[in-house]
Amino acid sequence: MKLYGIKACDTCRKALKALPDAAFVDVRATPLERAELARFLDAFGSDLVNTRSTTWRGMSEAERAADPLDQLLAHPTLMKRPVIDNGTLYLGWGKDVQAALT
């Protein structure tokens, strides 16, 4: 199982604590490949882009209008997190994800 996120993210820390066997991938330190991000976008669509983040608020209108894949490649912290891959992809750490994985 892999957990994709940012080590400073509280939600990622909570998920990692509850899933101690998960391998953690810090997307800021190790940016994801285009193919991996495309797979996540196929699974979650526009939900993968965090439009409430500081990164999003700091983007110009032209950057916001760009393709979501290009946005995520340029700004890895724009990805909603965590993304958990255990054969099935999960986004976030809501009660539904917790129930499915713990």
PDB file of N, CA and C in Angstrom:
ATOM      1  N   MET A   1       0.846  -1.173   0.000  1.00  0.00           N
ATOM      2  CA  MET A   1       0.000   0.000   0.000  1.00  0.00           C
ATOM      3  C   MET A   1       0.888   1.231   0.000  1.00  0.00           C
ATOM      4  N   LYS A   2       0.523   2.215  -0.828  1.00  0.00           N
ATOM      5  CA  LYS A   2       1.255   3.484  -0.882  1.00  0.00           C
ATOM      6  C   LYS A   2       0.317   4.618  -0.506  1.00  0.00           C
ATOM      7  N   LEU A   3       0.859   5.563   0.222  1.00  0.00           N
ATOM      8  CA  LEU A   3       0.121   6.755   0.617  1.00  0.00           C
ATOM      9  C   LEU A   3       0.878   7.943   0.028  1.00  0.00           C
ATOM     10  N   TYR A   4       0.220   8.687  -0.856  1.00  0.00           N
ATOM     11  CA  TYR A   4       0.830   9.847  -1.507  1.00  0.00           C
ATOM     12  C   TYR A   4       0.323  11.108  -0.825  1.00  0.00           C
ATOM     13  N   GLY A   5       1.251  11.961  -0.409  1.00  0.00           N
ATOM     14  CA  GLY A   5       0.860  13.195   0.252  1.00  0.00           C
ATOM     15  C   GLY A   5       2.064  14.066   0.522  1.00  0.00           C
ATOM     16  N   ILE A   6       1.935  14.890   1.558  1.00  0.00           N
ATOM     17  CA  ILE A   6       3.008  15.794   1.977  1.00  0.00           C
ATOM     18  C   ILE A   6       3.234  15.563   3.457  1.00  0.00           C
ATOM     19  N   LYS A   7       4.506  15.444   3.858  1.00  0.00           N
ATOM     20  CA  LYS A   7       4.795  15.084   5.244  1.00  0.00           C
ATOM     21  C   LYS A   7       4.317  16.126   6.248  1.00  0.00           C
ATOM     22  N   ALA A   8       4.150  17.371   5.834  1.00  0.00           N
ATOM     23  CA  ALA A   8       3.686  18.406   6.750  1.00  0.00           C
ATOM     24  C   ALA A   8       2.156  18.457   6.859  1.00  0.00           C
ATOM     25  N   CYS A   9       1.456  17.663   6.079  1.00  0.00           N
ATOM     26  CA  CYS A   9      -0.011  17.673   6.056  1.00  0.00           C
ATOM     27  C   CYS A   9      -0.563  16.860   7.232  1.00  0.00           C
ATOM     28  N   ASP A  10      -1.385  17.490   8.052  1.00  0.00           N
ATOM     29  CA  ASP A  10      -1.965  16.817   9.217  1.00  0.00           C
ATOM     30  C   ASP A  10      -2.821  15.618   8.825  1.00  0.00           C
ATOM     31  N   THR A  11      -3.594  15.750   7.763  1.00  0.00           N
ATOM     32  CA  THR A  11      -4.448  14.649   7.320  1.00  0.00           C
ATOM     33  C   THR A  11      -3.603  13.460   6.878  1.00  0.00           C
ATOM     34  N   CYS A  12      -2.508  13.729   6.181  1.00  0.00           N
ATOM     35  CA  CYS A  12      -1.609  12.649   5.763  1.00  0.00           C
ATOM     36  C   CYS A  12      -0.992  11.963   6.979  1.00  0.00           C
ATOM     37  N   ARG A  13      -0.640  12.743   7.979  1.00  0.00           N
ATOM     38  CA  ARG A  13      -0.065  12.167   9.207  1.00  0.00           C
ATOM     39  C   ARG A  13      -1.066  11.253   9.907  1.00  0.00           C
ATOM     40  N   LYS A  14      -2.312  11.680   9.974  1.00  0.00           N
ATOM     41  CA  LYS A  14      -3.357  10.861  10.604  1.00  0.00           C
ATOM     42  C   LYS A  14      -3.527   9.543   9.840  1.00  0.00           C
ATOM     43  N   ALA A  15      -3.569   9.628   8.519  1.00  0.00           N
ATOM     44  CA  ALA A  15      -3.738   8.428   7.692  1.00  0.00           C
ATOM     45  C   ALA A  15      -2.543   7.498   7.857  1.00  0.00           C
ATOM     46  N   LEU A  16      -1.348   8.056   7.882  1.00  0.00           N
ATOM     47  CA  LEU A  16      -0.135   7.254   8.014  1.00  0.00           C
ATOM     48  C   LEU A  16      -0.072   6.575   9.378  1.00  0.00           C
ATOM     49  N   LYS A  17      -0.540   7.272  10.391  1.00  0.00           N
ATOM     50  CA  LYS A  17      -0.566   6.693  11.741  1.00  0.00           C
ATOM     51  C   LYS A  17      -1.534   5.509  11.803  1.00  0.00           C
ATOM     52  N   ALA A  18      -2.668   5.643  11.124  1.00  0.00           N
ATOM     53  CA  ALA A  18      -3.673   4.577  11.114  1.00  0.00           C
ATOM     54  C   ALA A  18      -3.281   3.430  10.183  1.00  0.00           C
ATOM     55  N   LEU A  19      -2.394   3.703   9.237  1.00  0.00           N
ATOM     56  CA  LEU A  19      -1.955   2.697   8.269  1.00  0.00           C
ATOM     57  C   LEU A  19      -0.429   2.555   8.351  1.00  0.00           C
ATOM     58  N   PRO A  20       0.074   1.989   9.437  1.00  0.00           N
ATOM     59  CA  PRO A  20       1.528   1.953   9.656  1.00  0.00           C
ATOM     60  C   PRO A  20       2.310   1.142   8.617  1.00  0.00           C
ATOM     61  N   ASP A  21       1.654   0.253   7.896  1.00  0.00           N
ATOM     62  CA  ASP A  21       2.348  -0.556   6.888  1.00  0.00           C
ATOM     63  C   ASP A  21       2.430   0.134   5.527  1.00  0.00           C
ATOM     64  N   ALA A  22       1.808   1.310   5.406  1.00  0.00           N
ATOM     65  CA  ALA A  22       1.805   2.019   4.129  1.00  0.00           C
ATOM     66  C   ALA A  22       3.159   2.670   3.866  1.00  0.00           C
ATOM     67  N   ALA A  23       3.606   2.591   2.629  1.00  0.00           N
ATOM     68  CA  ALA A  23       4.822   3.297   2.211  1.00  0.00           C
ATOM     69  C   ALA A  23       4.418   4.727   1.876  1.00  0.00           C
ATOM     70  N   PHE A  24       5.095   5.701   2.463  1.00  0.00           N
ATOM     71  CA  PHE A  24       4.743   7.107   2.267  1.00  0.00           C
ATOM     72  C   PHE A  24       5.562   7.708   1.131  1.00  0.00           C
ATOM     73  N   VAL A  25       4.888   8.395   0.215  1.00  0.00           N
ATOM     74  CA  VAL A  25       5.545   9.094  -0.885  1.00  0.00           C
ATOM     75  C   VAL A  25       5.223  10.578  -0.746  1.00  0.00           C
ATOM     76  N   ASP A  26       6.246  11.375  -0.439  1.00  0.00           N
ATOM     77  CA  ASP A  26       6.075  12.826  -0.313  1.00  0.00           C
ATOM     78  C   ASP A  26       6.127  13.432  -1.712  1.00  0.00           C
ATOM     79  N   VAL A  27       4.994  13.929  -2.195  1.00  0.00           N
ATOM     80  CA  VAL A  27       4.920  14.436  -3.566  1.00  0.00           C
ATOM     81  C   VAL A  27       5.675  15.744  -3.750  1.00  0.00           C
ATOM     82  N   ARG A  28       5.992  16.419  -2.669  1.00  0.00           N
ATOM     83  CA  ARG A  28       6.795  17.633  -2.775  1.00  0.00           C
ATOM     84  C   ARG A  28       8.272  17.256  -2.967  1.00  0.00           C
ATOM     85  N   ALA A  29       8.738  16.284  -2.208  1.00  0.00           N
ATOM     86  CA  ALA A  29      10.142  15.855  -2.285  1.00  0.00           C
ATOM     87  C   ALA A  29      10.400  14.983  -3.515  1.00  0.00           C
ATOM     88  N   THR A  30       9.418  14.167  -3.890  1.00  0.00           N
ATOM     89  CA  THR A  30       9.542  13.264  -5.029  1.00  0.00           C
ATOM     90  C   THR A  30       8.331  13.471  -5.931  1.00  0.00           C
ATOM     91  N   PRO A  31       8.382  14.451  -6.822  1.00  0.00           N
ATOM     92  CA  PRO A  31       7.225  14.702  -7.698  1.00  0.00           C
ATOM     93  C   PRO A  31       6.820  13.458  -8.483  1.00  0.00           C
ATOM     94  N   LEU A  32       5.533  13.296  -8.649  1.00  0.00           N
ATOM     95  CA  LEU A  32       5.006  12.120  -9.350  1.00  0.00           C
ATOM     96  C   LEU A  32       5.221  12.231 -10.853  1.00  0.00           C
ATOM     97  N   GLU A  33       5.334  11.079 -11.475  1.00  0.00           N
ATOM     98  CA  GLU A  33       5.455  11.015 -12.933  1.00  0.00           C
ATOM     99  C   GLU A  33       4.108  11.382 -13.568  1.00  0.00           C
ATOM    100  N   ARG A  34       4.171  11.841 -14.798  1.00  0.00           N
ATOM    101  CA  ARG A  34       2.968  12.220 -15.543  1.00  0.00           C
ATOM    102  C   ARG A  34       1.972  11.058 -15.604  1.00  0.00           C
ATOM    103  N   ALA A  35       2.466   9.843 -15.850  1.00  0.00           N
ATOM    104  CA  ALA A  35       1.583   8.675 -15.967  1.00  0.00           C
ATOM    105  C   ALA A  35       0.850   8.390 -14.647  1.00  0.00           C
ATOM    106  N   GLU A  36       1.544   8.548 -13.533  1.00  0.00           N
ATOM    107  CA  GLU A  36       0.927   8.310 -12.222  1.00  0.00           C
ATOM    108  C   GLU A  36      -0.160   9.348 -11.949  1.00  0.00           C
ATOM    109  N   LEU A  37       0.142  10.609 -12.215  1.00  0.00           N
ATOM    110  CA  LEU A  37      -0.862  11.665 -12.031  1.00  0.00           C
ATOM    111  C   LEU A  37      -2.050  11.465 -12.969  1.00  0.00           C
ATOM    112  N   ALA A  38      -1.788  11.024 -14.180  1.00  0.00           N
ATOM    113  CA  ALA A  38      -2.875  10.760 -15.134  1.00  0.00           C
ATOM    114  C   ALA A  38      -3.775   9.648 -14.611  1.00  0.00           C
ATOM    115  N   ARG A  39      -3.181   8.634 -14.010  1.00  0.00           N
ATOM    116  CA  ARG A  39      -3.972   7.535 -13.418  1.00  0.00           C
ATOM    117  C   ARG A  39      -4.861   8.058 -12.295  1.00  0.00           C
ATOM    118  N   PHE A  40      -4.319   8.934 -11.458  1.00  0.00           N
ATOM    119  CA  PHE A  40      -5.105   9.521 -10.370  1.00  0.00           C
ATOM    120  C   PHE A  40      -6.234  10.393 -10.930  1.00  0.00           C
ATOM    121  N   LEU A  41      -5.924  11.179 -11.960  1.00  0.00           N
ATOM    122  CA  LEU A  41      -6.950  12.031 -12.578  1.00  0.00           C
ATOM    123  C   LEU A  41      -8.052  11.198 -13.213  1.00  0.00           C
ATOM    124  N   ASP A  42      -7.684  10.074 -13.824  1.00  0.00           N
ATOM    125  CA  ASP A  42      -8.696   9.190 -14.409  1.00  0.00           C
ATOM    126  C   ASP A  42      -9.644   8.671 -13.329  1.00  0.00           C
ATOM    127  N   ALA A  43      -9.087   8.384 -12.154  1.00  0.00           N
ATOM    128  CA  ALA A  43      -9.895   7.838 -11.065  1.00  0.00           C
ATOM    129  C   ALA A  43     -10.756   8.894 -10.382  1.00  0.00           C
ATOM    130  N   PHE A  44     -10.218  10.093 -10.182  1.00  0.00           N
ATOM    131  CA  PHE A  44     -10.904  11.095  -9.364  1.00  0.00           C
ATOM    132  C   PHE A  44     -11.382  12.322 -10.126  1.00  0.00           C
ATOM    133  N   GLY A  45     -10.942  12.498 -11.345  1.00  0.00           N
ATOM    134  CA  GLY A  45     -11.341  13.668 -12.126  1.00  0.00           C
ATOM    135  C   GLY A  45     -10.904  14.961 -11.465  1.00  0.00           C
ATOM    136  N   SER A  46     -11.726  15.973 -11.588  1.00  0.00           N
ATOM    137  CA  SER A  46     -11.379  17.298 -11.061  1.00  0.00           C
ATOM    138  C   SER A  46     -11.320  17.333  -9.531  1.00  0.00           C
ATOM    139  N   ASP A  47     -11.842  16.300  -8.865  1.00  0.00           N
ATOM    140  CA  ASP A  47     -11.760  16.255  -7.408  1.00  0.00           C
ATOM    141  C   ASP A  47     -10.312  16.177  -6.915  1.00  0.00           C
ATOM    142  N   LEU A  48      -9.397  15.744  -7.771  1.00  0.00           N
ATOM    143  CA  LEU A  48      -7.995  15.614  -7.380  1.00  0.00           C
ATOM    144  C   LEU A  48      -7.331  16.976  -7.175  1.00  0.00           C
ATOM    145  N   VAL A  49      -7.852  18.016  -7.826  1.00  0.00           N
ATOM    146  CA  VAL A  49      -7.277  19.362  -7.710  1.00  0.00           C
ATOM    147  C   VAL A  49      -7.947  20.083  -6.547  1.00  0.00           C
ATOM    148  N   ASN A  50      -7.123  20.501  -5.595  1.00  0.00           N
ATOM    149  CA  ASN A  50      -7.624  21.179  -4.406  1.00  0.00           C
ATOM    150  C   ASN A  50      -7.781  22.671  -4.690  1.00  0.00           C
ATOM    151  N   THR A  51      -9.001  23.074  -5.032  1.00  0.00           N
ATOM    152  CA  THR A  51      -9.264  24.471  -5.382  1.00  0.00           C
ATOM    153  C   THR A  51      -9.436  25.362  -4.154  1.00  0.00           C
ATOM    154  N   ARG A  52      -9.296  24.801  -2.966  1.00  0.00           N
ATOM    155  CA  ARG A  52      -9.375  25.611  -1.743  1.00  0.00           C
ATOM    156  C   ARG A  52      -7.996  25.831  -1.127  1.00  0.00           C
ATOM    157  N   SER A  53      -6.949  25.370  -1.815  1.00  0.00           N
ATOM    158  CA  SER A  53      -5.597  25.456  -1.261  1.00  0.00           C
ATOM    159  C   SER A  53      -4.978  26.834  -1.464  1.00  0.00           C
ATOM    160  N   THR A  54      -3.957  27.104  -0.684  1.00  0.00           N
ATOM    161  CA  THR A  54      -3.189  28.338  -0.823  1.00  0.00           C
ATOM    162  C   THR A  54      -2.537  28.404  -2.193  1.00  0.00           C
ATOM    163  N   THR A  55      -2.081  27.264  -2.669  1.00  0.00           N
ATOM    164  CA  THR A  55      -1.453  27.211  -3.992  1.00  0.00           C
ATOM    165  C   THR A  55      -2.435  27.661  -5.068  1.00  0.00           C
ATOM    166  N   TRP A  56      -3.663  27.159  -5.014  1.00  0.00           N
ATOM    167  CA  TRP A  56      -4.689  27.518  -6.004  1.00  0.00           C
ATOM    168  C   TRP A  56      -4.998  29.012  -5.941  1.00  0.00           C
ATOM    169  N   ARG A  57      -5.140  29.536  -4.732  1.00  0.00           N
ATOM    170  CA  ARG A  57      -5.468  30.959  -4.575  1.00  0.00           C
ATOM    171  C   ARG A  57      -4.352  31.857  -5.106  1.00  0.00           C
ATOM    172  N   GLY A  58      -3.111  31.354  -5.110  1.00  0.00           N
ATOM    173  CA  GLY A  58      -1.985  32.140  -5.600  1.00  0.00           C
ATOM    174  C   GLY A  58      -1.760  32.034  -7.105  1.00  0.00           C
ATOM    175  N   MET A  59      -2.551  31.205  -7.772  1.00  0.00           N
ATOM    176  CA  MET A  59      -2.381  31.007  -9.214  1.00  0.00           C
ATOM    177  C   MET A  59      -3.118  32.079 -10.005  1.00  0.00           C
ATOM    178  N   SER A  60      -2.574  32.409 -11.177  1.00  0.00           N
ATOM    179  CA  SER A  60      -3.237  33.370 -12.059  1.00  0.00           C
ATOM    180  C   SER A  60      -4.438  32.691 -12.730  1.00  0.00           C
ATOM    181  N   GLU A  61      -5.289  33.488 -13.334  1.00  0.00           N
ATOM    182  CA  GLU A  61      -6.452  32.934 -14.046  1.00  0.00           C
ATOM    183  C   GLU A  61      -6.007  32.018 -15.193  1.00  0.00           C
ATOM    184  N   ALA A  62      -4.908  32.390 -15.848  1.00  0.00           N
ATOM    185  CA  ALA A  62      -4.399  31.556 -16.956  1.00  0.00           C
ATOM    186  C   ALA A  62      -3.930  30.196 -16.430  1.00  0.00           C
ATOM    187  N   GLU A  63      -3.263  30.186 -15.270  1.00  0.00           N
ATOM    188  CA  GLU A  63      -2.812  28.922 -14.681  1.00  0.00           C
ATOM    189  C   GLU A  63      -4.002  28.073 -14.247  1.00  0.00           C
ATOM    190  N   ARG A  64      -5.020  28.714 -13.704  1.00  0.00           N
ATOM    191  CA  ARG A  64      -6.215  27.984 -13.267  1.00  0.00           C
ATOM    192  C   ARG A  64      -6.963  27.365 -14.444  1.00  0.00           C
ATOM    193  N   ALA A  65      -6.873  28.000 -15.609  1.00  0.00           N
ATOM    194  CA  ALA A  65      -7.575  27.508 -16.799  1.00  0.00           C
ATOM    195  C   ALA A  65      -6.807  26.385 -17.496  1.00  0.00           C
ATOM    196  N   ALA A  66      -5.577  26.139 -17.090  1.00  0.00           N
ATOM    197  CA  ALA A  66      -4.744  25.118 -17.730  1.00  0.00           C
ATOM    198  C   ALA A  66      -5.294  23.714 -17.457  1.00  0.00           C
ATOM    199  N   ASP A  67      -4.781  22.758 -18.201  1.00  0.00           N
ATOM    200  CA  ASP A  67      -5.138  21.359 -18.024  1.00  0.00           C
ATOM    201  C   ASP A  67      -4.785  20.911 -16.602  1.00  0.00           C
ATOM    202  N   PRO A  68      -5.676  20.206 -15.904  1.00  0.00           N
ATOM    203  CA  PRO A  68      -5.397  19.770 -14.526  1.00  0.00           C
ATOM    204  C   PRO A  68      -4.109  18.958 -14.394  1.00  0.00           C
ATOM    205  N   LEU A  69      -3.787  18.151 -15.384  1.00  0.00           N
ATOM    206  CA  LEU A  69      -2.553  17.365 -15.323  1.00  0.00           C
ATOM    207  C   LEU A  69      -1.329  18.281 -15.319  1.00  0.00           C
ATOM    208  N   ASP A  70      -1.356  19.308 -16.166  1.00  0.00           N
ATOM    209  CA  ASP A  70      -0.259  20.272 -16.203  1.00  0.00           C
ATOM    210  C   ASP A  70      -0.175  21.059 -14.895  1.00  0.00           C
ATOM    211  N   GLN A  71      -1.331  21.387 -14.322  1.00  0.00           N
ATOM    212  CA  GLN A  71      -1.347  22.100 -13.035  1.00  0.00           C
ATOM    213  C   GLN A  71      -0.669  21.260 -11.953  1.00  0.00           C
ATOM    214  N   LEU A  72      -1.019  19.986 -11.898  1.00  0.00           N
ATOM    215  CA  LEU A  72      -0.468  19.107 -10.867  1.00  0.00           C
ATOM    216  C   LEU A  72       1.017  18.826 -11.070  1.00  0.00           C
ATOM    217  N   LEU A  73       1.446  18.780 -12.314  1.00  0.00           N
ATOM    218  CA  LEU A  73       2.874  18.598 -12.578  1.00  0.00           C
ATOM    219  C   LEU A  73       3.665  19.831 -12.149  1.00  0.00           C
ATOM    220  N   ALA A  74       3.111  21.013 -12.401  1.00  0.00           N
ATOM    221  CA  ALA A  74       3.791  22.261 -12.039  1.00  0.00           C
ATOM    222  C   ALA A  74       3.715  22.555 -10.546  1.00  0.00           C
ATOM    223  N   HIS A  75       2.610  22.142  -9.915  1.00  0.00           N
ATOM    224  CA  HIS A  75       2.373  22.439  -8.495  1.00  0.00           C
ATOM    225  C   HIS A  75       1.921  21.165  -7.774  1.00  0.00           C
ATOM    226  N   PRO A  76       2.857  20.304  -7.343  1.00  0.00           N
ATOM    227  CA  PRO A  76       2.477  19.037  -6.699  1.00  0.00           C
ATOM    228  C   PRO A  76       1.606  19.223  -5.455  1.00  0.00           C
ATOM    229  N   THR A  77       1.759  20.354  -4.762  1.00  0.00           N
ATOM    230  CA  THR A  77       0.970  20.577  -3.546  1.00  0.00           C
ATOM    231  C   THR A  77      -0.486  20.903  -3.849  1.00  0.00           C
ATOM    232  N   LEU A  78      -0.829  21.057  -5.110  1.00  0.00           N
ATOM    233  CA  LEU A  78      -2.211  21.325  -5.514  1.00  0.00           C
ATOM    234  C   LEU A  78      -3.081  20.068  -5.423  1.00  0.00           C
ATOM    235  N   MET A  79      -2.443  18.907  -5.314  1.00  0.00           N
ATOM    236  CA  MET A  79      -3.171  17.635  -5.242  1.00  0.00           C
ATOM    237  C   MET A  79      -3.867  17.490  -3.888  1.00  0.00           C
ATOM    238  N   LYS A  80      -5.149  17.124  -3.928  1.00  0.00           N
ATOM    239  CA  LYS A  80      -5.830  16.784  -2.679  1.00  0.00           C
ATOM    240  C   LYS A  80      -5.163  15.550  -2.117  1.00  0.00           C
ATOM    241  N   ARG A  81      -5.116  15.470  -0.811  1.00  0.00           N
ATOM    242  CA  ARG A  81      -4.375  14.379  -0.199  1.00  0.00           C
ATOM    243  C   ARG A  81      -5.059  13.873   1.057  1.00  0.00           C
ATOM    244  N   PRO A  82      -4.684  12.687   1.425  1.00  0.00           N
ATOM    245  CA  PRO A  82      -3.782  11.772   0.729  1.00  0.00           C
ATOM    246  C   PRO A  82      -4.495  11.019  -0.387  1.00  0.00           C
ATOM    247  N   VAL A  83      -3.685  10.512  -1.306  1.00  0.00           N
ATOM    248  CA  VAL A  83      -4.146   9.530  -2.276  1.00  0.00           C
ATOM    249  C   VAL A  83      -3.559   8.206  -1.795  1.00  0.00           C
ATOM    250  N   ILE A  84      -4.424   7.234  -1.602  1.00  0.00           N
ATOM    251  CA  ILE A  84      -3.991   5.935  -1.080  1.00  0.00           C
ATOM    252  C   ILE A  84      -4.231   4.878  -2.153  1.00  0.00           C
ATOM    253  N   ASP A  85      -3.184   4.097  -2.413  1.00  0.00           N
ATOM    254  CA  ASP A  85      -3.259   3.066  -3.438  1.00  0.00           C
ATOM    255  C   ASP A  85      -2.962   1.707  -2.806  1.00  0.00           C
ATOM    256  N   ASN A  86      -3.981   0.877  -2.709  1.00  0.00           N
ATOM    257  CA  ASN A  86      -3.784  -0.508  -2.240  1.00  0.00           C
ATOM    258  C   ASN A  86      -4.367  -1.476  -3.264  1.00  0.00           C
ATOM    259  N   GLY A  87      -4.271  -1.088  -4.522  1.00  0.00           N
ATOM    260  CA  GLY A  87      -4.919  -1.838  -5.589  1.00  0.00           C
ATOM    261  C   GLY A  87      -6.172  -1.105  -6.027  1.00  0.00           C
ATOM    262  N   THR A  88      -6.817  -0.454  -5.081  1.00  0.00           N
ATOM    263  CA  THR A  88      -7.926   0.456  -5.327  1.00  0.00           C
ATOM    264  C   THR A  88      -7.436   1.834  -4.893  1.00  0.00           C
ATOM    265  N   LEU A  89      -7.830   2.875  -5.625  1.00  0.00           N
ATOM    266  CA  LEU A  89      -7.416   4.230  -5.261  1.00  0.00           C
ATOM    267  C   LEU A  89      -8.462   4.891  -4.374  1.00  0.00           C
ATOM    268  N   TYR A  90      -7.987   5.574  -3.339  1.00  0.00           N
ATOM    269  CA  TYR A  90      -8.835   6.336  -2.429  1.00  0.00           C
ATOM    270  C   TYR A  90      -8.305   7.757  -2.349  1.00  0.00           C
ATOM    271  N   LEU A  91      -9.201   8.721  -2.222  1.00  0.00           N
ATOM    272  CA  LEU A  91      -8.813  10.121  -2.109  1.00  0.00           C
ATOM    273  C   LEU A  91      -9.303  10.671  -0.783  1.00  0.00           C
ATOM    274  N   GLY A  92      -8.380  11.242  -0.015  1.00  0.00           N
ATOM    275  CA  GLY A  92      -8.736  11.848   1.262  1.00  0.00           C
ATOM    276  C   GLY A  92      -8.687  10.843   2.392  1.00  0.00           C
ATOM    277  N   TRP A  93      -9.106  11.302   3.562  1.00  0.00           N
ATOM    278  CA  TRP A  93      -9.112  10.464   4.758  1.00  0.00           C
ATOM    279  C   TRP A  93     -10.427  10.662   5.503  1.00  0.00           C
ATOM    280  N   GLY A  94     -11.513  10.613   4.748  1.00  0.00           N
ATOM    281  CA  GLY A  94     -12.834  10.729   5.337  1.00  0.00           C
ATOM    282  C   GLY A  94     -13.258   9.424   5.986  1.00  0.00           C
ATOM    283  N   LYS A  95     -14.391   9.435   6.620  1.00  0.00           N
ATOM    284  CA  LYS A  95     -14.896   8.249   7.334  1.00  0.00           C
ATOM    285  C   LYS A  95     -15.070   7.049   6.399  1.00  0.00           C
ATOM    286  N   ASP A  96     -15.491   7.306   5.161  1.00  0.00           N
ATOM    287  CA  ASP A  96     -15.677   6.214   4.207  1.00  0.00           C
ATOM    288  C   ASP A  96     -14.344   5.528   3.870  1.00  0.00           C
ATOM    289  N   VAL A  97     -13.295   6.311   3.684  1.00  0.00           N
ATOM    290  CA  VAL A  97     -11.975   5.760   3.379  1.00  0.00           C
ATOM    291  C   VAL A  97     -11.429   5.027   4.607  1.00  0.00           C
ATOM    292  N   GLN A  98     -11.603   5.627   5.771  1.00  0.00           N
ATOM    293  CA  GLN A  98     -11.131   4.997   7.009  1.00  0.00           C
ATOM    294  C   GLN A  98     -11.804   3.646   7.211  1.00  0.00           C
ATOM    295  N   ALA A  99     -13.105   3.590   6.979  1.00  0.00           N
ATOM    296  CA  ALA A  99     -13.844   2.340   7.154  1.00  0.00           C
ATOM    297  C   ALA A  99     -13.378   1.284   6.162  1.00  0.00           C
ATOM    298  N   ALA A 100     -13.031   1.701   4.960  1.00  0.00           N
ATOM    299  CA  ALA A 100     -12.599   0.736   3.938  1.00  0.00           C
ATOM    300  C   ALA A 100     -11.192   0.202   4.203  1.00  0.00           C
ATOM    301  N   LEU A 101     -10.361   0.983   4.880  1.00  0.00           N
ATOM    302  CA  LEU A 101      -8.954   0.613   5.002  1.00  0.00           C
ATOM    303  C   LEU A 101      -8.514   0.185   6.408  1.00  0.00           C
ATOM    304  N   THR A 102      -9.290   0.484   7.426  1.00  0.00           N
ATOM    305  CA  THR A 102      -8.856   0.116   8.780  1.00  0.00           C
ATOM    306  C   THR A 102      -9.726  -0.979   9.359  1.00  0.00           C
TER     307      THR A 102
END
